[in-house]
Each structure stands twice: as structure tokens, then as C-alpha cells.
């Protein structure tokens, strides 16, 4: 051979191209299986309940003010009836949440998917309900209001397995829906008529058994929000706008505690305008993928129950290192 070195380089290049094509073929299989896993996850979410974000409790009272206005003069003079509809809102002074999350695996073919059931106790103290007392804006306006309602919103109402709201020993009747415009899924109850004590302090005890997949998050609607969460899942991914102030992760599970002041979040302001909750993490992509939150959305935080070292992530890493080895 006239140029043996050139022949060797050509043979080496041919081998490298063949190996790269082989890696690409393996990568196609990995991507196809990863897509199948995402379809399986979505299938489980469609058949049960998806990721959950809990907002509440929040007190609301729907009112309207009616008055009459005179238009024109002389024979053209007429009286026009006008009306103004408005909603009064009160937030908890303190919100204490204790949640125990159990993981229940589901299977779709060769895929194992994590679903959860959280058993939650909520204690909400409303120290001042003067915000629910209506005030007329017109000199001769007549204000009429419905009884206040307490609402708890969730992302996917199909996951509500049980719920209760109690004032002391009195249990309130639970009704579907929240009556909130942008966060309508959930449940609500009508508060009893408290008469002259309408503005007095109120304590609510709420229990909620909530099922879902992938993640559970909370909206800090209290002036002082404290959340304690425990689970047997050993690989929590803490996400959202606030990380836990305390956490302990062991092979047997985790415990985490959040404490958020209303001074550090706009959750109350945006929830009052019926804004949607923020999305911080893409549940269908890998753990490092993120979604930028919208400008006007409600802050939330919580835990994603992910498998940090699944076979498909390891496959992607192996393919990247494979290129280095071939080079």
C-alpha cells in the first residue's frame, strides 16, 4: 500500500463512524422507552389524579350593593336602578398543616410509577374577620350579603378521598367546588350565621385525604404558614418558591418543615385576584428540567416523589460518556 498511514486513519474513521451510529441506535431505543414511560405516567394520572397543589382555607363572602340614580331633567327625568357585585375575602392569621404521605406504586407494563395518598390535618386561625363586614360605597346604597364560605382548592379534585371541616364540635356540610374563579376544583362549606359575632375570631379544623401522582405542593395563604410533612419515600425533591427550613432524609423516608411569612410571598394578593398557581417543574421531564413561572401566579412549594437514578437517565449518561470513549 502506497500510503499505509492514510489507510489506517481511514479504517479508524470508519470504525468510529460505525460506533457512533451504534450509539445513536441505542439512544433511539432509550428515548423511545423514556417516551413510553411518560405515556404510562400520564395514563396513571388520567385514570386517577395528577400532581396536586392545595390552596386554602380561605373565607369568602359574596355581596351586592343596590342603589337608585336619577338621570335627566324635567320630562326626561328617570330613576335608574344600579347594582355592584363584590367579594370579601379573609385569610388565616396562622395556618398549621401536618401531612403524612404514603407512597403507593402503580404498574403499567414494565414501568413502575409512584402515586401517593396524603393524610392531612389543617388548623386555621382567623383572628380578625372584619374584612367580611360589608361597607356601602353609595350614600343610599343597600348592601346584601350571603353567608361566608370556607374553601379549599386542589389541582385535581378526583384525588379527594375524604374531607371534613369543623368549628369546634360542629361539622359543616361539605359541598363540591370552591366558588373561586381560577381555582374552582376542590370543596367548600357554608359557615353558620354568627350574627353579631361575625367579626369575632374563628378557628377551623380541616382534614383532607388527597391522592395524586408525582408531587404535592402547598400555597402559603396564611399570615404565618407552618407545614410539617413526613413520608416513607427516601428520595424527595423539594421544589417551588421555598425550601424547607428543616429537613431530615434517611433511607427510611424524610421529614420536612416549612415556615413562610406573608411578608415573603405574594400568595394572598394573587389568590385574591383568582390567579392560577405557578408551575416550577415539568412533571413529565427529568428531575432537572424546569418551567419558568408566569408573571402573575400564586407561589407554592412542596415535594416531588421522583426516582433520581432511573434506568433511562443512566442510559443518557452512558451515551454521553460513550462518545468520549470512542474519541
Protein backbone atom coordinates (compact mmCIF):
# COMPACT_ATOMS: atom_id res chain seq x y z
CA UNK A 1 0.00 0.00 0.00
CA UNK A 2 1.40 3.39 -1.05
CA UNK A 3 0.09 5.35 1.97
CA UNK A 4 -0.31 2.87 4.88
CA UNK A 5 -0.86 5.61 7.49
CA UNK A 6 -3.73 7.09 5.46
CA UNK A 7 -5.28 3.66 5.16
CA UNK A 8 -5.06 3.15 8.92
CA UNK A 9 -6.65 6.57 9.56
CA UNK A 10 -9.43 5.75 7.10
CA UNK A 11 -10.09 2.42 8.80
CA UNK A 12 -10.07 4.08 12.22
CA UNK A 13 -12.53 6.73 10.99
CA UNK A 14 -14.82 4.05 9.57
CA UNK A 15 -14.80 2.20 12.91
CA UNK A 16 -15.58 5.45 14.79
CA UNK A 17 -18.50 6.24 12.44
CA UNK A 18 -19.85 2.72 12.88
CA UNK A 19 -19.63 3.00 16.67
CA UNK A 20 -21.34 6.42 16.64
CA UNK A 21 -24.18 5.01 14.53
CA UNK A 22 -24.44 2.13 17.02
CA UNK A 23 -24.67 4.59 19.94
CA UNK A 24 -27.32 6.58 18.10
CA UNK A 25 -29.37 3.41 17.58
CA UNK A 26 -29.13 2.63 21.29
CA UNK A 27 -30.07 6.24 22.07
CA UNK A 28 -33.18 5.91 19.90
CA UNK A 29 -34.27 2.88 21.92
CA UNK A 30 -33.65 4.74 25.21
CA UNK A 31 -35.63 7.77 24.04
CA UNK A 32 -38.46 5.55 22.80
CA UNK A 33 -38.67 3.72 26.14
CA UNK A 34 -38.49 7.03 28.02
CA UNK A 35 -41.40 8.30 25.95
CA UNK A 36 -43.32 5.14 26.78
CA UNK A 37 -42.66 5.75 30.47
CA UNK A 38 -44.01 9.31 30.18
CA UNK A 39 -47.10 7.94 28.45
CA UNK A 40 -47.52 5.41 31.26
CA UNK A 41 -47.21 8.18 33.87
CA UNK A 42 -49.80 10.27 32.05
CA UNK A 43 -52.06 7.22 31.78
CA UNK A 44 -51.95 6.74 35.55
CA UNK A 45 -52.58 10.47 36.13
CA UNK A 46 -55.50 10.43 33.67
CA UNK A 47 -57.03 7.43 35.40
CA UNK A 48 -56.56 8.58 39.00
CA UNK A 49 -55.25 12.07 39.79
CA UNK A 50 -52.28 14.18 38.71
CA UNK A 51 -49.89 16.41 40.62
CA UNK A 52 -51.62 18.25 43.45
CA UNK A 53 -51.38 21.82 44.72
CA UNK A 54 -53.50 22.72 47.75
CA UNK A 55 -54.75 26.29 48.27
CA UNK A 56 -56.67 27.22 51.37
CA UNK A 57 -58.55 27.50 53.52
CA UNK A 58 -59.85 30.90 52.50
CA UNK A 59 -63.02 32.65 53.70
CA UNK A 60 -65.14 34.49 51.15
CA UNK A 61 -68.43 36.34 51.28
CA UNK A 62 -70.37 37.36 48.19
CA UNK A 63 -72.24 40.65 48.44
CA UNK A 64 -74.04 43.15 46.25
CA UNK A 65 -74.91 46.79 46.73
CA UNK A 66 -78.06 48.25 45.15
CA UNK A 67 -78.97 51.92 44.77
CA UNK A 68 -81.02 54.22 42.58
CA UNK A 69 -79.67 57.07 40.48
CA UNK A 70 -81.62 59.90 38.86
CA UNK A 71 -80.86 60.84 35.26
CA UNK A 72 -82.09 63.75 33.13
CA UNK A 73 -84.35 66.71 33.96
CA UNK A 74 -87.99 67.60 33.53
CA UNK A 75 -89.95 65.18 31.39
CA UNK A 76 -86.77 63.23 30.58
CA UNK A 77 -86.05 62.62 34.20
CA UNK A 78 -85.92 58.95 35.16
CA UNK A 79 -84.71 56.76 38.00
CA UNK A 80 -82.18 54.06 37.14
CA UNK A 81 -81.53 51.07 39.41
CA UNK A 82 -77.85 50.11 39.66
CA UNK A 83 -76.03 47.26 41.31
CA UNK A 84 -72.45 46.42 42.29
CA UNK A 85 -71.33 42.84 42.97
CA UNK A 86 -68.22 42.24 45.05
CA UNK A 87 -66.49 39.55 47.09
CA UNK A 88 -64.97 39.97 50.55
CA UNK A 89 -62.00 37.75 51.47
CA UNK A 90 -60.31 36.85 54.76
CA UNK A 91 -57.04 34.92 55.16
CA UNK A 92 -55.86 32.83 58.13
CA UNK A 93 -53.75 34.65 60.70
CA UNK A 94 -51.96 31.36 61.32
CA UNK A 95 -52.06 28.18 59.23
CA UNK A 96 -50.65 24.93 60.63
CA UNK A 97 -50.56 21.85 58.40
CA UNK A 98 -49.46 18.35 59.33
CA UNK A 99 -49.28 15.85 56.47
CA UNK A 100 -48.26 12.22 56.31
CA UNK A 101 -47.70 10.98 52.75
CA UNK A 102 -47.82 7.31 51.84
CA UNK A 103 -46.38 6.12 48.53
CA UNK A 104 -48.36 3.57 46.51
CA UNK A 105 -46.60 2.18 43.40
CA UNK A 106 -48.64 1.58 40.25
CA UNK A 107 -47.60 -0.60 37.32
CA UNK A 108 -48.09 -0.15 33.59
CA UNK A 109 -46.36 -2.99 31.75
CA UNK A 110 -42.66 -2.85 32.65
CA UNK A 111 -42.98 0.61 34.21
CA UNK A 112 -43.34 1.35 37.93
CA UNK A 113 -44.91 4.71 38.80
CA UNK A 114 -45.25 6.49 42.14
CA UNK A 115 -48.66 7.63 43.35
CA UNK A 116 -49.31 8.98 46.83
CA UNK A 117 -52.05 9.44 49.40
CA UNK A 118 -51.54 12.28 51.86
CA UNK A 119 -53.48 12.34 55.13
CA UNK A 120 -53.52 15.96 56.23
CA UNK A 121 -54.74 17.88 59.26
CA UNK A 122 -55.14 21.64 58.87
CA UNK A 123 -55.62 24.09 61.75
CA UNK A 124 -56.53 27.61 60.62
CA UNK A 125 -56.99 30.59 62.96
CA UNK A 126 -58.81 33.66 61.66
CA UNK A 127 -58.11 36.27 64.32
CA UNK A 128 -59.99 39.17 62.71
CA UNK A 129 -62.92 38.78 60.32
CA UNK A 130 -63.72 42.46 59.99
CA UNK A 131 -62.74 42.11 56.32
CA UNK A 132 -66.01 40.17 55.86
CA UNK A 133 -68.16 43.07 57.08
CA UNK A 134 -69.54 44.94 54.03
CA UNK A 135 -69.45 48.69 53.57
CA UNK A 136 -71.66 50.68 51.20
CA UNK A 137 -69.89 52.89 48.68
CA UNK A 138 -73.00 54.88 47.73
CA UNK A 139 -74.77 57.27 50.13
CA UNK A 140 -78.08 55.43 49.76
CA UNK A 141 -76.68 52.02 48.88
CA UNK A 142 -78.28 48.90 50.36
CA UNK A 143 -75.79 46.05 50.87
CA UNK A 144 -76.92 42.41 50.96
CA UNK A 145 -74.54 39.52 51.58
CA UNK A 146 -74.64 35.74 51.54
CA UNK A 147 -73.28 33.73 54.45
CA UNK A 148 -69.47 33.36 54.33
CA UNK A 149 -67.99 30.21 52.82
CA UNK A 150 -64.71 28.44 53.58
CA UNK A 151 -62.99 26.90 50.54
CA UNK A 152 -60.04 24.59 49.92
CA UNK A 153 -58.84 24.28 46.31
CA UNK A 154 -56.82 21.42 44.81
CA UNK A 155 -55.41 20.89 41.33
CA UNK A 156 -57.27 17.64 40.64
CA UNK A 157 -60.48 17.08 42.62
CA UNK A 158 -60.56 13.40 41.63
CA UNK A 159 -57.87 12.84 44.26
CA UNK A 160 -60.11 13.93 47.17
CA UNK A 161 -60.83 10.73 49.09
CA UNK A 162 -62.25 12.31 52.25
CA UNK A 163 -62.63 15.83 53.63
CA UNK A 164 -64.16 17.46 56.69
CA UNK A 165 -64.43 20.98 58.12
CA UNK A 166 -65.28 21.55 61.78
CA UNK A 167 -65.82 24.58 64.04
CA UNK A 168 -65.26 23.16 67.50
CA UNK A 169 -67.53 20.12 67.75
CA UNK A 170 -69.75 21.23 64.86
CA UNK A 171 -69.05 19.61 61.50
CA UNK A 172 -70.04 21.60 58.42
CA UNK A 173 -71.67 20.14 55.33
CA UNK A 174 -69.08 19.69 52.56
CA UNK A 175 -70.09 20.90 49.10
CA UNK A 176 -68.24 20.33 45.77
CA UNK A 177 -66.32 23.15 44.10
CA UNK A 178 -64.68 26.18 45.69
CA UNK A 179 -66.60 29.10 44.11
CA UNK A 180 -63.16 30.54 43.23
CA UNK A 181 -62.89 31.65 39.62
CA UNK A 182 -59.40 30.44 38.64
CA UNK A 183 -59.14 27.58 41.17
CA UNK A 184 -62.60 26.04 41.03
CA UNK A 185 -61.67 22.42 41.84
CA UNK A 186 -61.93 21.43 45.48
CA UNK A 187 -64.61 21.75 48.14
CA UNK A 188 -66.29 24.37 50.30
CA UNK A 189 -68.71 24.74 53.19
CA UNK A 190 -71.12 27.46 54.25
CA UNK A 191 -70.39 28.92 57.70
CA UNK A 192 -73.30 29.12 60.15
CA UNK A 193 -74.86 32.51 60.84
CA UNK A 194 -72.86 34.00 63.71
CA UNK A 195 -74.94 37.16 63.97
CA UNK A 196 -73.23 39.98 65.87
CA UNK A 197 -70.15 37.72 66.34
CA UNK A 198 -69.45 37.68 62.58
CA UNK A 199 -66.18 39.59 63.04
CA UNK A 200 -65.03 37.55 66.05
CA UNK A 201 -62.08 35.16 65.89
CA UNK A 202 -62.70 31.80 64.22
CA UNK A 203 -60.81 28.51 64.44
CA UNK A 204 -61.27 25.82 61.77
CA UNK A 205 -60.11 22.21 61.86
CA UNK A 206 -59.91 20.58 58.42
CA UNK A 207 -58.94 17.05 57.47
CA UNK A 208 -58.12 16.04 53.91
CA UNK A 209 -57.17 12.68 52.40
CA UNK A 210 -55.73 13.52 48.98
CA UNK A 211 -54.37 11.16 46.31
CA UNK A 212 -52.19 12.13 43.36
CA UNK A 213 -49.08 11.38 41.34
CA UNK A 214 -45.59 12.85 41.05
CA UNK A 215 -45.81 15.77 43.53
CA UNK A 216 -47.79 17.58 46.20
CA UNK A 217 -47.45 21.31 46.86
CA UNK A 218 -48.98 23.92 49.18
CA UNK A 219 -49.83 27.60 48.81
CA UNK A 220 -48.81 29.75 51.84
CA UNK A 221 -52.08 31.68 52.26
CA UNK A 222 -51.67 32.33 55.99
CA UNK A 223 -50.05 35.36 57.56
CA UNK A 224 -47.86 32.72 59.20
CA UNK A 225 -47.83 29.34 57.41
CA UNK A 226 -46.23 26.29 59.01
CA UNK A 227 -46.23 22.93 57.25
CA UNK A 228 -44.82 19.64 58.51
CA UNK A 229 -44.61 16.70 56.13
CA UNK A 230 -43.41 13.14 56.63
CA UNK A 231 -43.18 10.22 54.22
CA UNK A 232 -41.51 6.85 53.78
CA UNK A 233 -40.14 7.91 50.36
CA UNK A 234 -36.32 8.22 50.63
CA UNK A 235 -35.77 10.42 47.53
CA UNK A 236 -37.72 13.67 47.98
CA UNK A 237 -37.14 16.52 45.55
CA UNK A 238 -38.06 19.78 47.33
CA UNK A 239 -39.30 22.31 44.82
CA UNK A 240 -41.25 25.55 44.49
CA UNK A 241 -40.54 29.03 45.82
CA UNK A 242 -39.47 27.97 49.32
CA UNK A 243 -37.20 25.19 50.53
CA UNK A 244 -37.76 23.56 53.94
CA UNK A 245 -36.34 25.36 56.96
CA UNK A 246 -35.67 21.94 58.48
CA UNK A 247 -35.40 18.55 56.84
CA UNK A 248 -34.13 15.07 57.58
CA UNK A 249 -33.73 12.50 54.81
CA UNK A 250 -32.85 8.88 55.60
CA UNK A 251 -33.15 5.55 53.73
CA UNK A 252 -36.39 5.05 55.67
CA UNK A 253 -38.00 8.29 54.46
CA UNK A 254 -37.97 12.01 55.16
CA UNK A 255 -39.38 14.68 57.43
CA UNK A 256 -39.53 18.34 56.41
CA UNK A 257 -40.81 21.56 57.90
CA UNK A 258 -41.59 24.85 56.16
CA UNK A 259 -42.35 28.20 57.76
CA UNK A 260 -43.36 31.07 55.46
CA UNK A 261 -44.48 34.58 56.39
CA UNK A 262 -46.91 36.55 54.25
CA UNK A 263 -44.19 39.24 54.11
CA UNK A 264 -42.12 36.88 51.94
CA UNK A 265 -44.77 35.93 49.38
CA UNK A 266 -47.49 37.42 47.19
CA UNK A 267 -49.71 34.35 47.54
CA UNK A 268 -52.55 36.21 49.27
CA UNK A 269 -52.57 39.09 46.80
CA UNK A 270 -52.58 36.92 43.68
CA UNK A 271 -55.03 34.36 45.15
CA UNK A 272 -57.45 37.24 45.80
CA UNK A 273 -57.36 38.06 42.07
CA UNK A 274 -58.07 34.41 41.15
CA UNK A 275 -54.64 33.98 39.53
CA UNK A 276 -53.51 30.42 38.70
CA UNK A 277 -50.87 28.62 40.76
CA UNK A 278 -47.28 28.70 39.50
CA UNK A 279 -45.64 25.71 37.82
CA UNK A 280 -41.97 25.30 38.71
CA UNK A 281 -41.14 21.82 37.50
CA UNK A 282 -42.12 19.82 34.45
CA UNK A 283 -43.51 16.55 35.91
CA UNK A 284 -43.13 14.68 32.58
CA UNK A 285 -39.45 15.50 32.09
CA UNK A 286 -36.41 14.53 34.13
CA UNK A 287 -35.76 15.99 37.55
CA UNK A 288 -33.50 18.78 36.29
CA UNK A 289 -35.99 20.21 33.77
CA UNK A 290 -37.73 23.43 34.85
CA UNK A 291 -40.64 25.58 33.74
CA UNK A 292 -40.32 29.33 34.25
CA UNK A 293 -43.18 30.58 36.47
CA UNK A 294 -45.69 33.01 34.99
CA UNK A 295 -45.56 36.67 35.94
CA UNK A 296 -48.84 36.71 37.85
CA UNK A 297 -49.20 33.34 39.55
CA UNK A 298 -49.60 32.08 43.10
CA UNK A 299 -46.46 30.95 44.96
CA UNK A 300 -46.32 27.34 46.11
CA UNK A 301 -43.82 24.82 47.44
CA UNK A 302 -43.69 21.13 48.14
CA UNK A 303 -42.17 17.76 47.28
CA UNK A 304 -41.84 15.67 44.12
CA UNK A 305 -41.61 11.91 44.63
CA UNK A 306 -39.05 11.08 41.97
CA UNK A 307 -36.62 8.25 41.32
CA UNK A 308 -33.33 10.18 40.98
CA UNK A 309 -31.38 7.32 39.34
CA UNK A 310 -33.76 5.64 36.91
CA UNK A 311 -32.51 3.44 34.08
CA UNK A 312 -33.26 5.95 31.34
CA UNK A 313 -31.28 8.74 32.99
CA UNK A 314 -28.38 6.32 33.40
CA UNK A 315 -28.76 5.38 29.73
CA UNK A 316 -28.49 9.03 28.65
CA UNK A 317 -25.35 9.47 30.77
CA UNK A 318 -23.81 6.29 29.34
CA UNK A 319 -24.43 7.52 25.78
CA UNK A 320 -22.71 10.85 26.51
CA UNK A 321 -19.69 9.09 28.01
CA UNK A 322 -19.72 6.64 25.10
CA UNK A 323 -18.87 9.46 22.69
CA UNK A 324 -15.90 10.35 24.89
CA UNK A 325 -14.66 6.77 24.96
CA UNK A 326 -14.95 6.46 21.18
CA UNK A 327 -12.96 9.69 20.73
